[in-house]
Amino acid sequence: MSTGSFDTVRADALELLGVLADWRLAPARWDRVAEVLAAAAEAAAGRDAEALDAAVGELELAGPVRITRIGGTPTEPPPPAVRERANHLVHALGGAPAGPRPAPEDDPR
């Protein structure tokens, strides 16, 4: 995988972090997301495009799947610690922290 400039990878990370609040995962998968967010924060602090790109790729793989098995592990929204870590990373990358999104019926469009 070729790594783009830090700004390109930063934009990819911010885009992914923008939807993380909508994910529903099993608790063990949230633990993995927390680990990847820590690695991404370290990469962002050092402006290491290659490490940040790797973390973004891992985060994409850790994200939700489209099909849930019947009787599978129950899923839940991001725990507070993961939301906080993601918001800190967004801030470190120079983006706006993600807030709760309005429900479709509350969307003013």
Protein backbone atom coordinates (compact mmCIF):
# COMPACT_ATOMS: atom_id res chain seq x y z
CA MET A 1 0.00 0.00 0.00
CA SER A 2 1.49 3.34 -0.96
CA THR A 3 1.19 6.06 1.59
CA GLY A 4 0.14 9.53 0.51
CA SER A 5 1.15 12.78 2.10
CA PHE A 6 0.34 13.32 5.75
CA ASP A 7 -2.47 15.73 4.77
CA THR A 8 -4.07 13.12 2.48
CA VAL A 9 -3.91 10.41 5.14
CA ARG A 10 -5.14 12.92 7.74
CA ALA A 11 -8.22 13.62 5.58
CA ASP A 12 -8.91 9.87 5.28
CA ALA A 13 -8.60 9.49 9.05
CA LEU A 14 -10.96 12.39 9.73
CA GLU A 15 -13.52 10.97 7.31
CA LEU A 16 -13.44 7.59 9.04
CA LEU A 17 -13.54 9.12 12.52
CA GLY A 18 -16.59 11.11 11.42
CA VAL A 19 -18.65 7.92 11.08
CA LEU A 20 -17.21 5.98 14.01
CA ALA A 21 -19.92 7.33 16.36
CA ASP A 22 -22.52 5.50 14.23
CA TRP A 23 -20.81 2.10 14.46
CA ARG A 24 -22.26 -0.76 16.47
CA LEU A 25 -19.75 -3.45 17.41
CA ALA A 26 -19.29 -6.29 19.87
CA PRO A 27 -17.43 -5.20 23.04
CA ALA A 28 -14.27 -7.13 22.07
CA ARG A 29 -14.15 -5.28 18.75
CA TRP A 30 -14.42 -1.95 20.57
CA ASP A 31 -11.35 -2.98 22.55
CA ARG A 32 -9.48 -3.44 19.26
CA VAL A 33 -10.72 -0.07 17.98
CA ALA A 34 -9.38 1.58 21.16
CA GLU A 35 -5.94 0.03 20.52
CA VAL A 36 -5.92 1.24 16.91
CA LEU A 37 -7.00 4.74 17.96
CA ALA A 38 -4.06 4.85 20.38
CA ALA A 39 -1.67 3.89 17.56
CA ALA A 40 -3.27 6.51 15.29
CA ALA A 41 -2.87 9.19 17.96
CA GLU A 42 0.81 8.34 18.32
CA ALA A 43 1.25 8.50 14.53
CA ALA A 44 -0.59 11.82 14.35
CA ALA A 45 1.56 13.31 17.11
CA GLY A 46 4.68 12.39 15.16
CA ARG A 47 3.15 13.37 11.79
CA ASP A 48 4.02 9.85 10.62
CA ALA A 49 1.95 9.40 7.44
CA GLU A 50 2.89 5.74 7.01
CA ALA A 51 1.91 4.76 10.57
CA LEU A 52 -1.30 6.82 10.41
CA ASP A 53 -2.21 5.20 7.08
CA ALA A 54 -1.66 1.75 8.61
CA ALA A 55 -3.87 2.67 11.57
CA VAL A 56 -6.61 3.96 9.26
CA GLY A 57 -6.49 0.66 7.35
CA GLU A 58 -6.74 -1.32 10.59
CA LEU A 59 -9.61 0.85 11.76
CA GLU A 60 -11.48 0.22 8.50
CA LEU A 61 -11.04 -3.53 9.00
CA ALA A 62 -12.20 -3.30 12.62
CA GLY A 63 -15.39 -1.49 11.62
CA PRO A 64 -18.85 -2.98 11.33
CA VAL A 65 -19.77 -5.71 8.89
CA ARG A 66 -22.87 -5.51 6.74
CA ILE A 67 -24.29 -8.89 7.70
CA THR A 68 -24.95 -9.97 11.28
CA ARG A 69 -25.38 -13.65 12.05
CA ILE A 70 -28.54 -14.75 13.78
CA GLY A 71 -27.60 -15.44 17.39
CA GLY A 72 -24.32 -13.57 16.96
CA THR A 73 -22.65 -11.47 19.62
CA PRO A 74 -24.78 -8.43 20.51
CA THR A 75 -23.46 -5.10 19.31
CA GLU A 76 -23.37 -1.74 21.05
CA PRO A 77 -22.47 1.86 20.22
CA PRO A 78 -18.97 3.13 21.03
CA PRO A 79 -18.22 3.13 24.76
CA PRO A 80 -17.47 6.53 26.32
CA ALA A 81 -13.71 5.86 26.45
CA VAL A 82 -13.59 5.10 22.71
CA ARG A 83 -15.68 8.19 21.87
CA GLU A 84 -13.36 10.32 23.99
CA ARG A 85 -10.23 8.85 22.39
CA ALA A 86 -11.69 9.38 18.90
CA ASN A 87 -12.59 13.00 19.71
CA HIS A 88 -9.07 13.66 21.01
CA LEU A 89 -7.66 12.22 17.79
CA VAL A 90 -9.97 14.36 15.66
CA HIS A 91 -8.80 17.42 17.59
CA ALA A 92 -5.13 16.38 17.21
CA LEU A 93 -5.68 16.03 13.45
CA GLY A 94 -7.19 19.51 13.29
CA GLY A 95 -10.80 18.52 12.69
CA ALA A 96 -14.00 19.26 14.58
CA PRO A 97 -15.04 16.66 17.18
CA ALA A 98 -17.93 14.46 16.11
CA GLY A 99 -21.13 15.11 17.99
CA PRO A 100 -24.35 13.17 18.05
CA ARG A 101 -26.08 13.18 14.71
CA PRO A 102 -29.77 14.04 14.48
CA ALA A 103 -32.16 11.20 13.84
CA PRO A 104 -33.39 11.17 10.22
CA GLU A 105 -36.78 12.58 11.23
CA ASP A 106 -35.03 15.40 13.16
CA ASP A 107 -32.77 16.28 10.23
CA PRO A 108 -33.68 19.84 9.17
CA ARG A 109 -33.05 19.18 5.43
